Amino acid sequence: MKKALIVDDHPVVRAAVTLVLEREGFKLIFEASSVGEALSILREHAVDLVILDLVMPGGDGLELLDRIRANGWLCLVLVFTSLDPLFFQERCMRARAMAYVAKTRSLQQLQKAVHAVMAGYTFFARLPAGSQDPRQRSEKEMIDKLSNRELTILRYLAQGMSNKAIAELTHLSHKTVSTYKTRLIEKLGVNAAVHLRDFAKRNHLI
């Protein structure tokens, strides 16, 4: 019996994905609206496929990808997210995701991806080559060099969250978050924390 886990904080999305999975023969479908809920389910149940959003409250999908790999869970992971594949697909591939589907695509595209992954294939978007201006290519290279944790904290900072709020969300100390902020300012070559938001928006990270 094929089992799946949908990790997404939007009930309407989970309902739509459930229909796709049922069409592909899944009989037992779990749902989680946060990384914490997903981890609880994965500890108790061996699922064949995880449909994962990267943007959620209480932690992000990149963190869950890392945890799945660290725990040696054998589930296949299909990323289904609103984030631009240009900046996130390669990172997910490195974390051993098997597919990346943007939410702007049709549900038929998602079903094709589910079918491909369950048949042992990968399913990734073909990214444009050489279409970016030099500045954007340079900034993408800087983003690619960030760790998943650095990228997550960059996105939180760009959304206007305080160090304290980020510390509580990521279970880090206030001092550690402050260190990450300083490091990000240096790595991304921006003048101050206020410019991190401009950088993130320009590169479709938020």
Protein backbone atom coordinates (compact mmCIF):
# COMPACT_ATOMS: atom_id res chain seq x y z
CA MET A 1 0.00 0.00 0.00
CA LYS A 2 1.51 3.30 -1.13
CA LYS A 3 1.75 5.95 1.60
CA ALA A 4 2.44 9.67 1.26
CA LEU A 5 2.90 12.73 3.44
CA ILE A 6 1.87 16.23 2.32
CA VAL A 7 3.74 19.01 4.13
CA ASP A 8 2.08 22.36 3.43
CA ASP A 9 0.47 24.96 5.69
CA HIS A 10 -2.42 25.71 3.29
CA PRO A 11 -5.43 23.35 3.66
CA VAL A 12 -6.66 24.07 0.11
CA VAL A 13 -3.28 23.05 -1.32
CA ARG A 14 -3.22 19.88 0.77
CA ALA A 15 -6.71 18.99 -0.49
CA ALA A 16 -5.68 19.49 -4.12
CA VAL A 17 -2.49 17.45 -3.68
CA THR A 18 -4.51 14.69 -1.98
CA LEU A 19 -6.66 14.37 -5.13
CA VAL A 20 -3.53 14.06 -7.26
CA LEU A 21 -2.08 11.38 -4.99
CA GLU A 22 -5.33 9.43 -4.95
CA ARG A 23 -5.30 9.41 -8.76
CA GLU A 24 -1.79 7.94 -8.56
CA GLY A 25 -2.96 5.09 -6.34
CA PHE A 26 -1.95 6.28 -2.86
CA LYS A 27 -4.19 4.73 -0.22
CA LEU A 28 -2.84 6.31 2.98
CA ILE A 29 -2.12 10.05 2.91
CA PHE A 30 -0.87 11.94 5.96
CA GLU A 31 -0.94 15.73 6.25
CA ALA A 32 1.31 18.15 8.15
CA SER A 33 1.16 21.94 8.29
CA SER A 34 4.62 22.45 9.82
CA VAL A 35 8.07 20.91 9.98
CA GLY A 36 7.41 19.76 13.54
CA GLU A 37 4.23 17.90 12.57
CA ALA A 38 6.00 16.35 9.59
CA LEU A 39 8.86 15.06 11.75
CA SER A 40 6.40 13.49 14.20
CA ILE A 41 4.65 11.65 11.38
CA LEU A 42 7.91 10.53 9.76
CA ARG A 43 9.16 9.12 13.07
CA GLU A 44 6.00 6.99 13.41
CA HIS A 45 5.26 6.01 9.82
CA ALA A 46 7.38 4.82 6.90
CA VAL A 47 6.02 6.78 3.94
CA ASP A 48 6.96 6.28 0.31
CA LEU A 49 6.65 9.89 -0.83
CA VAL A 50 6.78 13.34 0.76
CA ILE A 51 5.23 16.30 -1.09
CA LEU A 52 7.02 19.25 0.49
CA ASP A 53 6.50 23.01 0.45
CA LEU A 54 9.59 25.07 1.27
CA VAL A 55 7.74 27.95 2.96
CA MET A 56 6.02 27.21 6.27
CA PRO A 57 5.65 28.72 9.72
CA GLY A 58 7.87 27.21 12.39
CA GLY A 59 10.69 26.18 10.09
CA ASP A 60 11.14 25.65 6.38
CA GLY A 61 11.26 22.77 3.94
CA LEU A 62 15.01 22.97 3.43
CA GLU A 63 15.43 22.16 7.10
CA LEU A 64 13.11 19.17 6.75
CA LEU A 65 15.06 17.93 3.72
CA ASP A 66 18.23 18.00 5.80
CA ARG A 67 16.51 16.15 8.67
CA ILE A 68 15.18 13.45 6.34
CA ARG A 69 18.66 12.84 4.99
CA ALA A 70 20.29 12.96 8.44
CA ASN A 71 17.84 10.38 9.82
CA GLY A 72 18.30 8.05 6.88
CA TRP A 73 14.57 7.91 6.09
CA LEU A 74 14.06 6.24 2.73
CA CYS A 75 11.10 8.30 1.53
CA LEU A 76 11.24 10.04 -1.84
CA VAL A 77 10.79 13.82 -1.71
CA LEU A 78 8.97 15.97 -4.28
CA VAL A 79 9.23 19.72 -3.66
CA PHE A 80 6.03 21.61 -4.52
CA THR A 81 6.52 25.28 -3.74
CA SER A 82 5.96 28.89 -4.78
CA LEU A 83 9.69 29.68 -4.62
CA ASP A 84 11.53 30.26 -7.90
CA PRO A 85 13.31 27.09 -9.07
CA LEU A 86 16.13 29.25 -10.43
CA PHE A 87 17.31 29.89 -6.88
CA PHE A 88 16.09 26.80 -5.02
CA GLN A 89 15.97 23.81 -7.37
CA GLU A 90 19.72 23.04 -7.35
CA ARG A 91 19.79 23.32 -3.55
CA CYS A 92 16.95 20.80 -3.29
CA MET A 93 18.71 18.49 -5.73
CA ARG A 94 21.82 18.57 -3.54
CA ALA A 95 19.60 17.64 -0.59
CA ARG A 96 18.44 14.59 -2.60
CA ALA A 97 14.95 15.74 -3.53
CA MET A 98 13.72 13.82 -6.57
CA ALA A 99 11.54 16.53 -8.13
CA TYR A 100 10.80 20.24 -8.03
CA VAL A 101 7.45 21.61 -9.21
CA ALA A 102 6.47 25.28 -8.97
CA LYS A 103 2.97 25.97 -7.68
CA THR A 104 2.43 28.21 -10.69
CA ARG A 105 2.29 25.06 -12.83
CA SER A 106 -0.87 23.00 -13.27
CA LEU A 107 -1.84 20.07 -11.09
CA GLN A 108 -1.33 17.88 -14.15
CA GLN A 109 2.35 18.84 -13.95
CA LEU A 110 2.41 17.78 -10.32
CA GLN A 111 0.78 14.47 -11.22
CA LYS A 112 3.39 13.89 -13.94
CA ALA A 113 6.10 14.54 -11.35
CA VAL A 114 4.55 12.12 -8.84
CA HIS A 115 4.27 9.45 -11.54
CA ALA A 116 7.89 9.97 -12.63
CA VAL A 117 9.30 9.89 -9.10
CA MET A 118 7.40 6.75 -8.15
CA ALA A 119 8.72 5.11 -11.34
CA GLY A 120 12.28 5.86 -10.25
CA TYR A 121 12.92 9.03 -12.28
CA THR A 122 13.68 12.62 -11.33
CA PHE A 123 11.53 15.55 -12.44
CA PHE A 124 13.15 18.99 -12.53
CA ALA A 125 12.53 22.18 -14.46
CA ARG A 126 14.89 23.09 -17.27
CA LEU A 127 16.43 26.34 -16.10
CA PRO A 128 17.36 29.14 -18.53
CA ALA A 129 21.04 29.34 -19.38
CA GLY A 130 22.78 32.67 -19.83
CA SER A 131 19.59 34.73 -19.66
CA GLN A 132 20.51 36.58 -16.48
CA ASP A 133 22.39 39.85 -16.47
CA PRO A 134 25.92 39.70 -14.96
CA ARG A 135 24.82 41.16 -11.62
CA GLN A 136 22.07 38.60 -11.19
CA ARG A 137 24.40 35.75 -12.13
CA SER A 138 26.90 37.00 -9.57
CA GLU A 139 24.22 37.28 -6.87
CA LYS A 140 22.91 33.79 -7.67
CA GLU A 141 26.44 32.45 -7.19
CA MET A 142 26.57 34.13 -3.77
CA ILE A 143 23.19 32.63 -2.84
CA ASP A 144 24.31 29.16 -3.95
CA LYS A 145 27.26 29.38 -1.56
CA LEU A 146 25.03 30.03 1.47
CA SER A 147 24.21 27.10 3.73
CA ASN A 148 20.56 26.11 4.10
CA ARG A 149 20.54 27.68 7.57
CA GLU A 150 22.02 30.95 6.25
CA LEU A 151 19.46 31.07 3.45
CA THR A 152 16.61 30.42 5.88
CA ILE A 153 17.75 33.22 8.21
CA LEU A 154 18.23 35.56 5.25
CA ARG A 155 14.62 34.98 4.22
CA TYR A 156 13.37 35.58 7.77
CA LEU A 157 15.39 38.81 8.06
CA ALA A 158 14.13 39.96 4.67
CA GLN A 159 10.56 39.42 5.86
CA GLY A 160 11.23 41.92 8.67
CA MET A 161 11.47 39.44 11.55
CA SER A 162 13.48 40.48 14.61
CA ASN A 163 16.54 38.59 15.84
CA LYS A 164 14.53 37.46 18.87
CA ALA A 165 11.67 36.09 16.77
CA ILE A 166 14.09 34.26 14.47
CA ALA A 167 15.93 32.82 17.48
CA GLU A 168 12.68 31.42 18.90
CA LEU A 169 11.62 29.99 15.54
CA THR A 170 14.95 28.34 14.74
CA HIS A 171 15.82 27.31 18.32
CA LEU A 172 19.04 29.33 18.17
CA SER A 173 20.35 31.88 20.63
CA HIS A 174 19.84 35.60 20.01
CA LYS A 175 23.63 35.95 19.76
CA THR A 176 23.88 33.22 17.13
CA VAL A 177 21.22 34.86 14.97
CA SER A 178 23.07 38.17 15.30
CA THR A 179 26.24 36.43 14.13
CA TYR A 180 24.40 34.98 11.14
CA LYS A 181 23.10 38.46 10.26
CA THR A 182 26.60 39.94 10.35
CA ARG A 183 27.94 37.05 8.27
CA LEU A 184 25.17 37.47 5.67
CA ILE A 185 25.87 41.19 5.32
CA GLU A 186 29.53 40.37 4.67
CA LYS A 187 28.92 37.41 2.33
CA LEU A 188 26.32 39.19 0.20
CA GLY A 189 28.23 42.44 0.02
CA VAL A 190 25.39 44.67 1.23
CA ASN A 191 25.97 47.80 3.29
CA ALA A 192 23.54 47.09 6.12
CA ALA A 193 20.84 44.71 7.30
CA VAL A 194 18.15 46.94 5.77
CA HIS A 195 19.54 46.09 2.31
CA LEU A 196 19.12 42.36 2.86
CA ARG A 197 15.42 42.77 2.03
CA ASP A 198 16.22 44.47 -1.27
CA PHE A 199 18.69 41.70 -2.10
CA ALA A 200 16.15 39.00 -1.23
CA LYS A 201 13.32 40.61 -3.22
CA ARG A 202 15.55 41.19 -6.24
CA ASN A 203 16.44 37.50 -6.25
CA HIS A 204 12.91 36.18 -5.62
CA LEU A 205 13.77 34.75 -2.21
CA ILE A 206 10.63 36.28 -0.65
